[in-house]
Amino acid sequence: ATHTAGGDHAAPAVPLTGDGDEIFRTMGWVQKRAIGRRCKALIDAGRADFLRRRGFVSVARGTYCDEAVSPENWVLVGVRG
């Protein structure tokens, strides 16, 4: 199977075999961590949208401690209108 990104910025097809684990095995921890943080940012964007659609006039994403203390250092803060 192959995977091709859509849209105007289509990436070249990447052959995938099995469950895709071979891609992650070749990545270092810095790359994996960066991908993980981007995924969490995407999830938080969905959460913020959910809150805005339910009456929150402001939703902001911030940090509550240094990343060295906790890699899970993001917080969503919302103000209801």
C-alpha atoms as a PDB file:
ATOM      1  CA  ALA A   1       0.000   0.000   0.000  1.00  0.00           C
ATOM      2  CA  THR A   2       1.046   3.593  -0.447  1.00  0.00           C
ATOM      3  CA  HIS A   3       0.081   6.795   1.286  1.00  0.00           C
ATOM      4  CA  THR A   4      -0.129  10.090  -0.559  1.00  0.00           C
ATOM      5  CA  ALA A   5      -0.870  13.367   1.215  1.00  0.00           C
ATOM      6  CA  GLY A   6      -3.639  15.316  -0.526  1.00  0.00           C
ATOM      7  CA  GLY A   7      -4.113  18.974  -1.254  1.00  0.00           C
ATOM      8  CA  ASP A   8      -1.870  21.434  -3.046  1.00  0.00           C
ATOM      9  CA  HIS A   9       1.129  20.301  -1.034  1.00  0.00           C
ATOM     10  CA  ALA A  10       0.989  16.626  -1.910  1.00  0.00           C
ATOM     11  CA  ALA A  11       3.894  14.641  -0.548  1.00  0.00           C
ATOM     12  CA  PRO A  12       5.465  11.874  -2.589  1.00  0.00           C
ATOM     13  CA  ALA A  13       3.943   8.455  -2.122  1.00  0.00           C
ATOM     14  CA  VAL A  14       5.505   6.516   0.739  1.00  0.00           C
ATOM     15  CA  PRO A  15       5.317   2.724   0.498  1.00  0.00           C
ATOM     16  CA  LEU A  16       3.900   1.226   3.674  1.00  0.00           C
ATOM     17  CA  THR A  17       4.268  -2.405   4.563  1.00  0.00           C
ATOM     18  CA  GLY A  18       2.851  -4.080   7.615  1.00  0.00           C
ATOM     19  CA  ASP A  19       1.490  -1.728  10.261  1.00  0.00           C
ATOM     20  CA  GLY A  20       3.882   1.172   9.681  1.00  0.00           C
ATOM     21  CA  ASP A  21       6.044   0.467  12.727  1.00  0.00           C
ATOM     22  CA  GLU A  22       9.190   0.408  10.588  1.00  0.00           C
ATOM     23  CA  ILE A  23       8.855   4.175  10.075  1.00  0.00           C
ATOM     24  CA  PHE A  24       8.906   4.839  13.823  1.00  0.00           C
ATOM     25  CA  ARG A  25      11.743   2.404  14.481  1.00  0.00           C
ATOM     26  CA  THR A  26      14.004   4.516  12.276  1.00  0.00           C
ATOM     27  CA  MET A  27      13.179   7.773  14.086  1.00  0.00           C
ATOM     28  CA  GLY A  28      15.106   9.109  17.022  1.00  0.00           C
ATOM     29  CA  TRP A  29      13.427  10.156  20.260  1.00  0.00           C
ATOM     30  CA  VAL A  30      13.624  13.843  19.302  1.00  0.00           C
ATOM     31  CA  GLN A  31      11.560  13.215  16.156  1.00  0.00           C
ATOM     32  CA  LYS A  32       9.077  11.020  18.002  1.00  0.00           C
ATOM     33  CA  ARG A  33       8.666  13.634  20.708  1.00  0.00           C
ATOM     34  CA  ALA A  34       8.110  16.400  18.148  1.00  0.00           C
ATOM     35  CA  ILE A  35       5.453  14.329  16.373  1.00  0.00           C
ATOM     36  CA  GLY A  36       3.780  13.536  19.691  1.00  0.00           C
ATOM     37  CA  ARG A  37       3.644  17.207  20.660  1.00  0.00           C
ATOM     38  CA  ARG A  38       2.139  18.113  17.285  1.00  0.00           C
ATOM     39  CA  CYS A  39      -0.498  15.416  17.722  1.00  0.00           C
ATOM     40  CA  LYS A  40      -1.367  16.742  21.165  1.00  0.00           C
ATOM     41  CA  ALA A  41      -1.592  20.279  19.762  1.00  0.00           C
ATOM     42  CA  LEU A  42      -4.048  19.022  17.138  1.00  0.00           C
ATOM     43  CA  ILE A  43      -6.158  17.311  19.803  1.00  0.00           C
ATOM     44  CA  ASP A  44      -6.119  20.492  21.903  1.00  0.00           C
ATOM     45  CA  ALA A  45      -7.248  22.507  18.865  1.00  0.00           C
ATOM     46  CA  GLY A  46     -10.247  20.187  18.603  1.00  0.00           C
ATOM     47  CA  ARG A  47     -10.964  20.587  22.296  1.00  0.00           C
ATOM     48  CA  ALA A  48     -10.757  24.380  22.000  1.00  0.00           C
ATOM     49  CA  ASP A  49     -13.173  24.311  19.049  1.00  0.00           C
ATOM     50  CA  PHE A  50     -15.543  22.127  21.055  1.00  0.00           C
ATOM     51  CA  LEU A  51     -15.504  24.644  23.925  1.00  0.00           C
ATOM     52  CA  ARG A  52     -16.012  27.656  21.625  1.00  0.00           C
ATOM     53  CA  ARG A  53     -19.031  25.970  20.036  1.00  0.00           C
ATOM     54  CA  ARG A  54     -20.500  25.556  23.499  1.00  0.00           C
ATOM     55  CA  GLY A  55     -20.334  29.188  24.553  1.00  0.00           C
ATOM     56  CA  PHE A  56     -16.744  29.823  25.597  1.00  0.00           C
ATOM     57  CA  VAL A  57     -15.722  33.242  24.256  1.00  0.00           C
ATOM     58  CA  SER A  58     -12.036  32.675  24.806  1.00  0.00           C
ATOM     59  CA  VAL A  59      -9.955  29.531  24.885  1.00  0.00           C
ATOM     60  CA  ALA A  60      -6.183  29.715  25.238  1.00  0.00           C
ATOM     61  CA  ARG A  61      -3.508  27.069  25.380  1.00  0.00           C
ATOM     62  CA  GLY A  62      -0.554  27.640  27.646  1.00  0.00           C
ATOM     63  CA  THR A  63       1.991  25.963  29.862  1.00  0.00           C
ATOM     64  CA  TYR A  64       1.723  25.567  33.598  1.00  0.00           C
ATOM     65  CA  CYS A  65       5.257  24.376  34.367  1.00  0.00           C
ATOM     66  CA  ASP A  66       8.604  23.885  32.695  1.00  0.00           C
ATOM     67  CA  GLU A  67       8.825  21.027  30.216  1.00  0.00           C
ATOM     68  CA  ALA A  68      11.708  19.578  32.241  1.00  0.00           C
ATOM     69  CA  VAL A  69       9.297  19.138  35.166  1.00  0.00           C
ATOM     70  CA  SER A  70       6.555  17.572  33.049  1.00  0.00           C
ATOM     71  CA  PRO A  71       6.450  16.992  29.285  1.00  0.00           C
ATOM     72  CA  GLU A  72       2.643  17.119  29.651  1.00  0.00           C
ATOM     73  CA  ASN A  73       2.865  20.782  30.639  1.00  0.00           C
ATOM     74  CA  TRP A  74       0.020  22.194  28.503  1.00  0.00           C
ATOM     75  CA  VAL A  75      -3.284  23.511  29.800  1.00  0.00           C
ATOM     76  CA  LEU A  76      -6.403  24.854  28.118  1.00  0.00           C
ATOM     77  CA  VAL A  77      -8.026  27.816  29.841  1.00  0.00           C
ATOM     78  CA  GLY A  78     -11.493  28.914  28.787  1.00  0.00           C
ATOM     79  CA  VAL A  79     -13.707  31.864  29.622  1.00  0.00           C
ATOM     80  CA  ARG A  80     -17.439  31.356  29.270  1.00  0.00           C
ATOM     81  CA  GLY A  81     -19.433  34.150  27.656  1.00  0.00           C
END
